[in-house]
């Protein structure tokens, strides 16, 4: 299991990588994706189920699991940890470019 740290609003694509003896392999049917907490991590599978877009929704932790069939039932998961929102904690004013002269 791997862990991805995200902030609210970020998106990441997870992909199924089926293998056998460290070589590429195939699956039977379409993999299915679920999240342990849709409030923390939303999951939208792509057509065919080989990838899914995960969106960080709120601070917390969720496990995204993909289930498939190869030689029997297969399952893999990834932990999504949402550590913060993306709201500003400070602000400043900067100069972006010198003002242009007014033309009459």
PDB file of N, CA and C in Angstrom:
ATOM      1  N   UNK A   1       0.843  -1.173   0.000  1.00  0.00           N
ATOM      2  CA  UNK A   1       0.000   0.000   0.000  1.00  0.00           C
ATOM      3  C   UNK A   1       0.889   1.236   0.000  1.00  0.00           C
ATOM      4  N   UNK A   2       0.526   2.187  -0.821  1.00  0.00           N
ATOM      5  CA  UNK A   2       1.265   3.443  -0.884  1.00  0.00           C
ATOM      6  C   UNK A   2       0.386   4.563  -0.347  1.00  0.00           C
ATOM      7  N   UNK A   3       1.014   5.676  -0.049  1.00  0.00           N
ATOM      8  CA  UNK A   3       0.288   6.830   0.491  1.00  0.00           C
ATOM      9  C   UNK A   3       0.539   8.042  -0.397  1.00  0.00           C
ATOM     10  N   UNK A   4      -0.525   8.790  -0.700  1.00  0.00           N
ATOM     11  CA  UNK A   4      -0.426  10.044  -1.441  1.00  0.00           C
ATOM     12  C   UNK A   4      -0.906  11.148  -0.518  1.00  0.00           C
ATOM     13  N   UNK A   5      -0.094  12.179  -0.318  1.00  0.00           N
ATOM     14  CA  UNK A   5      -0.492  13.348   0.468  1.00  0.00           C
ATOM     15  C   UNK A   5      -1.001  14.412  -0.485  1.00  0.00           C
ATOM     16  N   UNK A   6      -2.185  14.948  -0.190  1.00  0.00           N
ATOM     17  CA  UNK A   6      -2.811  15.925  -1.068  1.00  0.00           C
ATOM     18  C   UNK A   6      -3.391  17.055  -0.235  1.00  0.00           C
ATOM     19  N   UNK A   7      -3.760  18.143  -0.926  1.00  0.00           N
ATOM     20  CA  UNK A   7      -4.516  19.215  -0.289  1.00  0.00           C
ATOM     21  C   UNK A   7      -5.893  19.263  -0.942  1.00  0.00           C
ATOM     22  N   UNK A   8      -6.856  19.832  -0.246  1.00  0.00           N
ATOM     23  CA  UNK A   8      -8.226  19.899  -0.745  1.00  0.00           C
ATOM     24  C   UNK A   8      -8.238  20.529  -2.145  1.00  0.00           C
ATOM     25  N   UNK A   9      -8.927  19.879  -3.056  1.00  0.00           N
ATOM     26  CA  UNK A   9      -9.046  20.378  -4.426  1.00  0.00           C
ATOM     27  C   UNK A   9      -8.078  19.741  -5.398  1.00  0.00           C
ATOM     28  N   UNK A  10      -6.993  19.149  -4.912  1.00  0.00           N
ATOM     29  CA  UNK A  10      -6.042  18.504  -5.810  1.00  0.00           C
ATOM     30  C   UNK A  10      -6.645  17.242  -6.408  1.00  0.00           C
ATOM     31  N   UNK A  11      -6.150  16.883  -7.595  1.00  0.00           N
ATOM     32  CA  UNK A  11      -6.579  15.663  -8.266  1.00  0.00           C
ATOM     33  C   UNK A  11      -5.353  14.849  -8.639  1.00  0.00           C
ATOM     34  N   UNK A  12      -5.530  13.535  -8.642  1.00  0.00           N
ATOM     35  CA  UNK A  12      -4.465  12.625  -9.035  1.00  0.00           C
ATOM     36  C   UNK A  12      -5.110  11.473  -9.807  1.00  0.00           C
ATOM     37  N   UNK A  13      -4.366  10.910 -10.741  1.00  0.00           N
ATOM     38  CA  UNK A  13      -4.842   9.755 -11.494  1.00  0.00           C
ATOM     39  C   UNK A  13      -4.137   8.514 -10.940  1.00  0.00           C
ATOM     40  N   UNK A  14      -4.933   7.508 -10.559  1.00  0.00           N
ATOM     41  CA  UNK A  14      -4.385   6.220 -10.146  1.00  0.00           C
ATOM     42  C   UNK A  14      -4.599   5.241 -11.296  1.00  0.00           C
ATOM     43  N   UNK A  15      -3.656   4.330 -11.485  1.00  0.00           N
ATOM     44  CA  UNK A  15      -3.736   3.374 -12.591  1.00  0.00           C
ATOM     45  C   UNK A  15      -3.515   1.953 -12.096  1.00  0.00           C
ATOM     46  N   UNK A  16      -4.230   1.015 -12.704  1.00  0.00           N
ATOM     47  CA  UNK A  16      -4.052  -0.406 -12.441  1.00  0.00           C
ATOM     48  C   UNK A  16      -2.843  -0.887 -13.246  1.00  0.00           C
ATOM     49  N   UNK A  17      -1.950  -1.623 -12.600  1.00  0.00           N
ATOM     50  CA  UNK A  17      -0.791  -2.196 -13.280  1.00  0.00           C
ATOM     51  C   UNK A  17      -0.777  -3.700 -12.996  1.00  0.00           C
ATOM     52  N   UNK A  18      -1.490  -4.494 -13.814  1.00  0.00           N
ATOM     53  CA  UNK A  18      -1.515  -5.933 -13.589  1.00  0.00           C
ATOM     54  C   UNK A  18      -0.205  -6.582 -14.027  1.00  0.00           C
ATOM     55  N   UNK A  19       0.315  -7.487 -13.198  1.00  0.00           N
ATOM     56  CA  UNK A  19       1.570  -8.169 -13.513  1.00  0.00           C
ATOM     57  C   UNK A  19       1.488  -9.647 -13.139  1.00  0.00           C
ATOM     58  N   UNK A  20       2.379 -10.403 -13.695  1.00  0.00           N
ATOM     59  CA  UNK A  20       2.606 -11.789 -13.316  1.00  0.00           C
ATOM     60  C   UNK A  20       4.100 -12.038 -13.445  1.00  0.00           C
ATOM     61  N   UNK A  21       4.731 -12.487 -12.401  1.00  0.00           N
ATOM     62  CA  UNK A  21       6.185 -12.713 -12.385  1.00  0.00           C
ATOM     63  C   UNK A  21       6.933 -11.485 -12.879  1.00  0.00           C
ATOM     64  N   UNK A  22       6.493 -10.304 -12.444  1.00  0.00           N
ATOM     65  CA  UNK A  22       7.090  -9.012 -12.797  1.00  0.00           C
ATOM     66  C   UNK A  22       6.993  -8.672 -14.278  1.00  0.00           C
ATOM     67  N   UNK A  23       6.084  -9.306 -15.009  1.00  0.00           N
ATOM     68  CA  UNK A  23       5.835  -8.990 -16.411  1.00  0.00           C
ATOM     69  C   UNK A  23       4.420  -8.457 -16.542  1.00  0.00           C
ATOM     70  N   UNK A  24       4.181  -7.660 -17.582  1.00  0.00           N
ATOM     71  CA  UNK A  24       2.842  -7.130 -17.814  1.00  0.00           C
ATOM     72  C   UNK A  24       1.852  -8.280 -18.003  1.00  0.00           C
ATOM     73  N   UNK A  25       0.657  -8.119 -17.498  1.00  0.00           N
ATOM     74  CA  UNK A  25      -0.375  -9.153 -17.595  1.00  0.00           C
ATOM     75  C   UNK A  25      -1.705  -8.504 -17.939  1.00  0.00           C
ATOM     76  N   UNK A  26      -2.721  -9.326 -18.121  1.00  0.00           N
ATOM     77  CA  UNK A  26      -4.035  -8.792 -18.468  1.00  0.00           C
ATOM     78  C   UNK A  26      -5.041  -9.142 -17.386  1.00  0.00           C
ATOM     79  N   UNK A  27      -6.177  -8.505 -17.441  1.00  0.00           N
ATOM     80  CA  UNK A  27      -7.266  -8.731 -16.506  1.00  0.00           C
ATOM     81  C   UNK A  27      -8.495  -9.190 -17.265  1.00  0.00           C
ATOM     82  N   UNK A  28      -9.428  -9.821 -16.549  1.00  0.00           N
ATOM     83  CA  UNK A  28     -10.702 -10.224 -17.118  1.00  0.00           C
ATOM     84  C   UNK A  28     -11.733  -9.172 -16.716  1.00  0.00           C
ATOM     85  N   UNK A  29     -12.425  -8.618 -17.677  1.00  0.00           N
ATOM     86  CA  UNK A  29     -13.466  -7.643 -17.367  1.00  0.00           C
ATOM     87  C   UNK A  29     -12.913  -6.278 -16.996  1.00  0.00           C
ATOM     88  N   UNK A  30     -13.762  -5.494 -16.364  1.00  0.00           N
ATOM     89  CA  UNK A  30     -13.450  -4.113 -16.009  1.00  0.00           C
ATOM     90  C   UNK A  30     -13.193  -3.999 -14.509  1.00  0.00           C
ATOM     91  N   UNK A  31     -12.040  -3.445 -14.123  1.00  0.00           N
ATOM     92  CA  UNK A  31     -11.775  -3.213 -12.694  1.00  0.00           C
ATOM     93  C   UNK A  31     -12.799  -2.239 -12.104  1.00  0.00           C
ATOM     94  N   UNK A  32     -13.080  -2.399 -10.804  1.00  0.00           N
ATOM     95  CA  UNK A  32     -13.987  -1.492 -10.105  1.00  0.00           C
ATOM     96  C   UNK A  32     -13.205  -0.756  -9.020  1.00  0.00           C
ATOM     97  N   UNK A  33     -13.584   0.492  -8.783  1.00  0.00           N
ATOM     98  CA  UNK A  33     -12.893   1.360  -7.831  1.00  0.00           C
ATOM     99  C   UNK A  33     -13.857   1.785  -6.733  1.00  0.00           C
ATOM    100  N   UNK A  34     -13.387   1.798  -5.484  1.00  0.00           N
ATOM    101  CA  UNK A  34     -14.192   2.278  -4.357  1.00  0.00           C
ATOM    102  C   UNK A  34     -13.306   3.091  -3.418  1.00  0.00           C
ATOM    103  N   UNK A  35     -13.918   3.970  -2.657  1.00  0.00           N
ATOM    104  CA  UNK A  35     -13.209   4.739  -1.651  1.00  0.00           C
ATOM    105  C   UNK A  35     -13.821   4.437  -0.286  1.00  0.00           C
ATOM    106  N   UNK A  36     -12.990   4.417   0.732  1.00  0.00           N
ATOM    107  CA  UNK A  36     -13.496   4.166   2.082  1.00  0.00           C
ATOM    108  C   UNK A  36     -14.212   5.387   2.652  1.00  0.00           C
ATOM    109  N   UNK A  37     -13.979   6.566   2.058  1.00  0.00           N
ATOM    110  CA  UNK A  37     -14.649   7.780   2.510  1.00  0.00           C
ATOM    111  C   UNK A  37     -14.808   8.744   1.339  1.00  0.00           C
ATOM    112  N   UNK A  38     -16.010   8.794   0.785  1.00  0.00           N
ATOM    113  CA  UNK A  38     -16.256   9.708  -0.336  1.00  0.00           C
ATOM    114  C   UNK A  38     -16.229  11.164   0.120  1.00  0.00           C
ATOM    115  N   UNK A  39     -16.329  11.412   1.418  1.00  0.00           N
ATOM    116  CA  UNK A  39     -16.231  12.777   1.935  1.00  0.00           C
ATOM    117  C   UNK A  39     -14.794  13.284   1.870  1.00  0.00           C
ATOM    118  N   UNK A  40     -13.820  12.383   1.929  1.00  0.00           N
ATOM    119  CA  UNK A  40     -12.397  12.750   1.900  1.00  0.00           C
ATOM    120  C   UNK A  40     -11.839  12.665   0.485  1.00  0.00           C
ATOM    121  N   UNK A  41     -12.133  11.563  -0.215  1.00  0.00           N
ATOM    122  CA  UNK A  41     -11.572  11.340  -1.554  1.00  0.00           C
ATOM    123  C   UNK A  41     -12.660  10.836  -2.492  1.00  0.00           C
ATOM    124  N   UNK A  42     -12.955  11.620  -3.510  1.00  0.00           N
ATOM    125  CA  UNK A  42     -13.904  11.200  -4.531  1.00  0.00           C
ATOM    126  C   UNK A  42     -13.176  10.414  -5.606  1.00  0.00           C
ATOM    127  N   UNK A  43     -13.812   9.364  -6.147  1.00  0.00           N
ATOM    128  CA  UNK A  43     -13.186   8.514  -7.161  1.00  0.00           C
ATOM    129  C   UNK A  43     -14.090   8.425  -8.382  1.00  0.00           C
ATOM    130  N   UNK A  44     -13.529   8.756  -9.556  1.00  0.00           N
ATOM    131  CA  UNK A  44     -14.258   8.640 -10.813  1.00  0.00           C
ATOM    132  C   UNK A  44     -13.443   7.749 -11.747  1.00  0.00           C
ATOM    133  N   UNK A  45     -13.878   6.493 -11.952  1.00  0.00           N
ATOM    134  CA  UNK A  45     -13.162   5.602 -12.860  1.00  0.00           C
ATOM    135  C   UNK A  45     -13.285   6.062 -14.312  1.00  0.00           C
ATOM    136  N   UNK A  46     -12.226   5.831 -15.074  1.00  0.00           N
ATOM    137  CA  UNK A  46     -12.258   6.104 -16.512  1.00  0.00           C
ATOM    138  C   UNK A  46     -12.987   4.947 -17.201  1.00  0.00           C
ATOM    139  N   UNK A  47     -13.495   5.167 -18.408  1.00  0.00           N
ATOM    140  CA  UNK A  47     -14.086   4.050 -19.149  1.00  0.00           C
ATOM    141  C   UNK A  47     -13.052   2.917 -19.266  1.00  0.00           C
ATOM    142  N   UNK A  48     -13.470   1.719 -19.029  1.00  0.00           N
ATOM    143  CA  UNK A  48     -12.549   0.577 -19.069  1.00  0.00           C
ATOM    144  C   UNK A  48     -11.941   0.264 -17.717  1.00  0.00           C
ATOM    145  N   UNK A  49     -12.007   1.214 -16.769  1.00  0.00           N
ATOM    146  CA  UNK A  49     -11.583   0.973 -15.398  1.00  0.00           C
ATOM    147  C   UNK A  49     -10.099   0.847 -15.133  1.00  0.00           C
ATOM    148  N   UNK A  50      -9.257   1.082 -16.115  1.00  0.00           N
ATOM    149  CA  UNK A  50      -7.803   0.931 -15.906  1.00  0.00           C
ATOM    150  C   UNK A  50      -7.187   2.096 -15.136  1.00  0.00           C
ATOM    151  N   UNK A  51      -7.886   3.234 -15.114  1.00  0.00           N
ATOM    152  CA  UNK A  51      -7.437   4.387 -14.325  1.00  0.00           C
ATOM    153  C   UNK A  51      -8.651   4.985 -13.623  1.00  0.00           C
ATOM    154  N   UNK A  52      -8.361   5.812 -12.618  1.00  0.00           N
ATOM    155  CA  UNK A  52      -9.424   6.537 -11.921  1.00  0.00           C
ATOM    156  C   UNK A  52      -8.867   7.870 -11.453  1.00  0.00           C
ATOM    157  N   UNK A  53      -9.693   8.908 -11.544  1.00  0.00           N
ATOM    158  CA  UNK A  53      -9.321  10.226 -11.045  1.00  0.00           C
ATOM    159  C   UNK A  53      -9.792  10.331  -9.598  1.00  0.00           C
ATOM    160  N   UNK A  54      -8.865  10.699  -8.724  1.00  0.00           N
ATOM    161  CA  UNK A  54      -9.181  10.863  -7.307  1.00  0.00           C
ATOM    162  C   UNK A  54      -9.080  12.347  -6.980  1.00  0.00           C
ATOM    163  N   UNK A  55     -10.111  12.888  -6.339  1.00  0.00           N
ATOM    164  CA  UNK A  55     -10.143  14.295  -5.943  1.00  0.00           C
ATOM    165  C   UNK A  55     -10.156  14.390  -4.427  1.00  0.00           C
ATOM    166  N   UNK A  56      -9.228  15.176  -3.868  1.00  0.00           N
ATOM    167  CA  UNK A  56      -9.196  15.420  -2.424  1.00  0.00           C
ATOM    168  C   UNK A  56     -10.320  16.378  -2.080  1.00  0.00           C
ATOM    169  N   UNK A  57     -11.247  15.943  -1.200  1.00  0.00           N
ATOM    170  CA  UNK A  57     -12.425  16.741  -0.889  1.00  0.00           C
ATOM    171  C   UNK A  57     -12.371  17.414   0.473  1.00  0.00           C
ATOM    172  N   UNK A  58     -11.823  16.740   1.476  1.00  0.00           N
ATOM    173  CA  UNK A  58     -11.736  17.331   2.812  1.00  0.00           C
ATOM    174  C   UNK A  58     -10.594  16.682   3.578  1.00  0.00           C
ATOM    175  N   UNK A  59     -10.142  17.355   4.626  1.00  0.00           N
ATOM    176  CA  UNK A  59      -9.018  16.862   5.433  1.00  0.00           C
ATOM    177  C   UNK A  59      -9.388  15.525   6.053  1.00  0.00           C
ATOM    178  N   UNK A  60      -8.480  14.574   5.957  1.00  0.00           N
ATOM    179  CA  UNK A  60      -8.692  13.242   6.513  1.00  0.00           C
ATOM    180  C   UNK A  60      -7.923  12.211   5.715  1.00  0.00           C
ATOM    181  N   UNK A  61      -8.313  10.961   5.865  1.00  0.00           N
ATOM    182  CA  UNK A  61      -7.649   9.864   5.187  1.00  0.00           C
ATOM    183  C   UNK A  61      -8.691   8.922   4.608  1.00  0.00           C
ATOM    184  N   UNK A  62      -8.417   8.403   3.417  1.00  0.00           N
ATOM    185  CA  UNK A  62      -9.312   7.445   2.769  1.00  0.00           C
ATOM    186  C   UNK A  62      -8.471   6.424   2.023  1.00  0.00           C
ATOM    187  N   UNK A  63      -8.958   5.212   1.955  1.00  0.00           N
ATOM    188  CA  UNK A  63      -8.303   4.166   1.181  1.00  0.00           C
ATOM    189  C   UNK A  63      -9.079   3.961  -0.104  1.00  0.00           C
ATOM    190  N   UNK A  64      -8.387   4.098  -1.244  1.00  0.00           N
ATOM    191  CA  UNK A  64      -8.989   3.854  -2.548  1.00  0.00           C
ATOM    192  C   UNK A  64      -8.574   2.445  -2.954  1.00  0.00           C
ATOM    193  N   UNK A  65      -9.569   1.605  -3.230  1.00  0.00           N
ATOM    194  CA  UNK A  65      -9.312   0.207  -3.561  1.00  0.00           C
ATOM    195  C   UNK A  65      -9.814  -0.082  -4.963  1.00  0.00           C
ATOM    196  N   UNK A  66      -9.013  -0.841  -5.724  1.00  0.00           N
ATOM    197  CA  UNK A  66      -9.432  -1.309  -7.041  1.00  0.00           C
ATOM    198  C   UNK A  66      -9.503  -2.837  -6.970  1.00  0.00           C
ATOM    199  N   UNK A  67     -10.613  -3.370  -7.473  1.00  0.00           N
ATOM    200  CA  UNK A  67     -10.834  -4.815  -7.508  1.00  0.00           C
ATOM    201  C   UNK A  67     -10.926  -5.258  -8.955  1.00  0.00           C
ATOM    202  N   UNK A  68     -10.322  -6.412  -9.259  1.00  0.00           N
ATOM    203  CA  UNK A  68     -10.319  -6.919 -10.619  1.00  0.00           C
ATOM    204  C   UNK A  68     -10.217  -8.440 -10.580  1.00  0.00           C
ATOM    205  N   UNK A  69     -10.294  -9.050 -11.766  1.00  0.00           N
ATOM    206  CA  UNK A  69     -10.149 -10.490 -11.891  1.00  0.00           C
ATOM    207  C   UNK A  69      -8.989 -10.784 -12.822  1.00  0.00           C
ATOM    208  N   UNK A  70      -8.087 -11.628 -12.368  1.00  0.00           N
ATOM    209  CA  UNK A  70      -6.989 -12.155 -13.177  1.00  0.00           C
ATOM    210  C   UNK A  70      -7.071 -13.660 -13.025  1.00  0.00           C
ATOM    211  N   UNK A  71      -6.076 -14.249 -12.385  1.00  0.00           N
ATOM    212  CA  UNK A  71      -6.170 -15.644 -11.954  1.00  0.00           C
ATOM    213  C   UNK A  71      -6.798 -15.577 -10.568  1.00  0.00           C
ATOM    214  N   UNK A  72      -8.109 -15.485 -10.536  1.00  0.00           N
ATOM    215  CA  UNK A  72      -8.825 -15.285  -9.291  1.00  0.00           C
ATOM    216  C   UNK A  72      -9.060 -13.810  -9.038  1.00  0.00           C
ATOM    217  N   UNK A  73      -9.636 -13.520  -7.883  1.00  0.00           N
ATOM    218  CA  UNK A  73      -9.938 -12.137  -7.502  1.00  0.00           C
ATOM    219  C   UNK A  73      -8.661 -11.417  -7.092  1.00  0.00           C
ATOM    220  N   UNK A  74      -8.507 -10.196  -7.546  1.00  0.00           N
ATOM    221  CA  UNK A  74      -7.352  -9.363  -7.222  1.00  0.00           C
ATOM    222  C   UNK A  74      -7.833  -8.066  -6.588  1.00  0.00           C
ATOM    223  N   UNK A  75      -7.023  -7.515  -5.712  1.00  0.00           N
ATOM    224  CA  UNK A  75      -7.358  -6.253  -5.065  1.00  0.00           C
ATOM    225  C   UNK A  75      -6.068  -5.509  -4.744  1.00  0.00           C
ATOM    226  N   UNK A  76      -6.102  -4.196  -4.916  1.00  0.00           N
ATOM    227  CA  UNK A  76      -4.960  -3.351  -4.555  1.00  0.00           C
ATOM    228  C   UNK A  76      -5.527  -2.044  -4.031  1.00  0.00           C
ATOM    229  N   UNK A  77      -4.761  -1.365  -3.173  1.00  0.00           N
ATOM    230  CA  UNK A  77      -5.271  -0.099  -2.649  1.00  0.00           C
ATOM    231  C   UNK A  77      -4.179   0.927  -2.469  1.00  0.00           C
ATOM    232  N   UNK A  78      -4.629   2.142  -2.268  1.00  0.00           N
ATOM    233  CA  UNK A  78      -3.763   3.299  -2.109  1.00  0.00           C
ATOM    234  C   UNK A  78      -4.400   4.194  -1.049  1.00  0.00           C
ATOM    235  N   UNK A  79      -3.628   4.643  -0.092  1.00  0.00           N
ATOM    236  CA  UNK A  79      -4.164   5.539   0.921  1.00  0.00           C
ATOM    237  C   UNK A  79      -3.992   6.982   0.474  1.00  0.00           C
ATOM    238  N   UNK A  80      -5.064   7.735   0.550  1.00  0.00           N
ATOM    239  CA  UNK A  80      -5.057   9.163   0.225  1.00  0.00           C
ATOM    240  C   UNK A  80      -5.162   9.916   1.545  1.00  0.00           C
ATOM    241  N   UNK A  81      -4.155  10.729   1.849  1.00  0.00           N
ATOM    242  CA  UNK A  81      -4.186  11.547   3.054  1.00  0.00           C
ATOM    243  C   UNK A  81      -4.287  13.006   2.635  1.00  0.00           C
ATOM    244  N   UNK A  82      -5.384  13.638   3.012  1.00  0.00           N
ATOM    245  CA  UNK A  82      -5.601  15.046   2.692  1.00  0.00           C
ATOM    246  C   UNK A  82      -5.212  15.837   3.933  1.00  0.00           C
ATOM    247  N   UNK A  83      -4.115  16.609   3.802  1.00  0.00           N
ATOM    248  CA  UNK A  83      -3.499  17.231   4.970  1.00  0.00           C
ATOM    249  C   UNK A  83      -3.928  18.665   5.235  1.00  0.00           C
ATOM    250  N   UNK A  84      -4.428  19.357   4.225  1.00  0.00           N
ATOM    251  CA  UNK A  84      -4.786  20.762   4.436  1.00  0.00           C
ATOM    252  C   UNK A  84      -5.685  21.230   3.310  1.00  0.00           C
ATOM    253  N   UNK A  85      -6.342  22.343   3.550  1.00  0.00           N
ATOM    254  CA  UNK A  85      -7.090  22.950   2.455  1.00  0.00           C
ATOM    255  C   UNK A  85      -6.152  23.919   1.739  1.00  0.00           C
ATOM    256  N   UNK A  86      -6.624  24.501   0.682  1.00  0.00           N
ATOM    257  CA  UNK A  86      -5.786  25.393  -0.116  1.00  0.00           C
ATOM    258  C   UNK A  86      -6.181  26.855   0.100  1.00  0.00           C
ATOM    259  N   UNK A  87      -6.626  27.188   1.316  1.00  0.00           N
ATOM    260  CA  UNK A  87      -7.005  28.564   1.607  1.00  0.00           C
ATOM    261  C   UNK A  87      -5.781  29.369   2.046  1.00  0.00           C
ATOM    262  N   UNK A  88      -5.743  30.624   1.654  1.00  0.00           N
ATOM    263  CA  UNK A  88      -4.605  31.488   1.989  1.00  0.00           C
ATOM    264  C   UNK A  88      -4.497  31.698   3.492  1.00  0.00           C
ATOM    265  N   UNK A  89      -3.259  31.777   3.963  1.00  0.00           N
ATOM    266  CA  UNK A  89      -2.996  32.096   5.367  1.00  0.00           C
ATOM    267  C   UNK A  89      -2.318  33.458   5.494  1.00  0.00           C
ATOM    268  N   UNK A  90      -1.943  34.040   4.343  1.00  0.00           N
ATOM    269  CA  UNK A  90      -1.314  35.364   4.334  1.00  0.00           C
ATOM    270  C   UNK A  90      -1.541  35.970   2.955  1.00  0.00           C
ATOM    271  N   UNK A  91      -1.202  37.266   2.834  1.00  0.00           N
ATOM    272  CA  UNK A  91      -1.402  37.948   1.570  1.00  0.00           C
ATOM    273  C   UNK A  91      -0.443  39.115   1.490  1.00  0.00           C
ATOM    274  N   UNK A  92      -0.032  39.458   0.282  1.00  0.00           N
ATOM    275  CA  UNK A  92       0.816  40.619   0.069  1.00  0.00           C
ATOM    276  C   UNK A  92       0.460  41.244  -1.269  1.00  0.00           C
ATOM    277  N   UNK A  93       0.955  42.437  -1.492  1.00  0.00           N
ATOM    278  CA  UNK A  93       0.758  43.138  -2.755  1.00  0.00           C
ATOM    279  C   UNK A  93       2.120  43.251  -3.419  1.00  0.00           C
ATOM    280  N   UNK A  94       2.186  42.898  -4.696  1.00  0.00           N
ATOM    281  CA  UNK A  94       3.436  43.013  -5.438  1.00  0.00           C
ATOM    282  C   UNK A  94       3.212  43.821  -6.703  1.00  0.00           C
ATOM    283  N   UNK A  95       4.289  44.324  -7.294  1.00  0.00           N
ATOM    284  CA  UNK A  95       4.228  45.061  -8.561  1.00  0.00           C
ATOM    285  C   UNK A  95       4.508  44.061  -9.669  1.00  0.00           C
ATOM    286  N   UNK A  96       3.576  43.945 -10.611  1.00  0.00           N
ATOM    287  CA  UNK A  96       3.714  42.984 -11.709  1.00  0.00           C
ATOM    288  C   UNK A  96       4.461  43.566 -12.904  1.00  0.00           C
ATOM    289  N   UNK A  97       4.235  44.850 -13.181  1.00  0.00           N
ATOM    290  CA  UNK A  97       4.926  45.492 -14.301  1.00  0.00           C
ATOM    291  C   UNK A  97       4.828  46.997 -14.116  1.00  0.00           C
ATOM    292  N   UNK A  98       5.731  47.739 -14.736  1.00  0.00           N
ATOM    293  CA  UNK A  98       5.624  49.191 -14.612  1.00  0.00           C
ATOM    294  C   UNK A  98       4.375  49.677 -15.344  1.00  0.00           C
ATOM    295  N   UNK A  99       3.786  50.778 -14.863  1.00  0.00           N
ATOM    296  CA  UNK A  99       2.592  51.308 -15.542  1.00  0.00           C
ATOM    297  C   UNK A  99       2.950  51.814 -16.929  1.00  0.00           C
ATOM    298  N   UNK A 100       1.998  51.663 -17.838  1.00  0.00           N
ATOM    299  CA  UNK A 100       2.199  52.124 -19.202  1.00  0.00           C
ATOM    300  C   UNK A 100       1.741  53.586 -19.305  1.00  0.00           C
ATOM    301  N   UNK A 101       2.469  54.420 -20.083  1.00  0.00           N
ATOM    302  CA  UNK A 101       2.039  55.801 -20.229  1.00  0.00           C
ATOM    303  C   UNK A 101       0.672  55.884 -20.905  1.00  0.00           C
ATOM    304  N   UNK A 102      -0.096  56.874 -20.512  1.00  0.00           N
ATOM    305  CA  UNK A 102      -1.421  57.083 -21.089  1.00  0.00           C
ATOM    306  C   UNK A 102      -1.259  57.768 -22.437  1.00  0.00           C
ATOM    307  N   UNK A 103      -1.920  57.253 -23.440  1.00  0.00           N
ATOM    308  CA  UNK A 103      -1.846  57.821 -24.790  1.00  0.00           C
ATOM    309  C   UNK A 103      -3.126  58.606 -25.067  1.00  0.00           C
ATOM    310  N   UNK A 104      -2.968  59.827 -25.615  1.00  0.00           N
ATOM    311  CA  UNK A 104      -4.132  60.643 -25.960  1.00  0.00           C
ATOM    312  C   UNK A 104      -4.294  60.748 -27.425  1.00  0.00           C
TER     313      UNK A 104
END
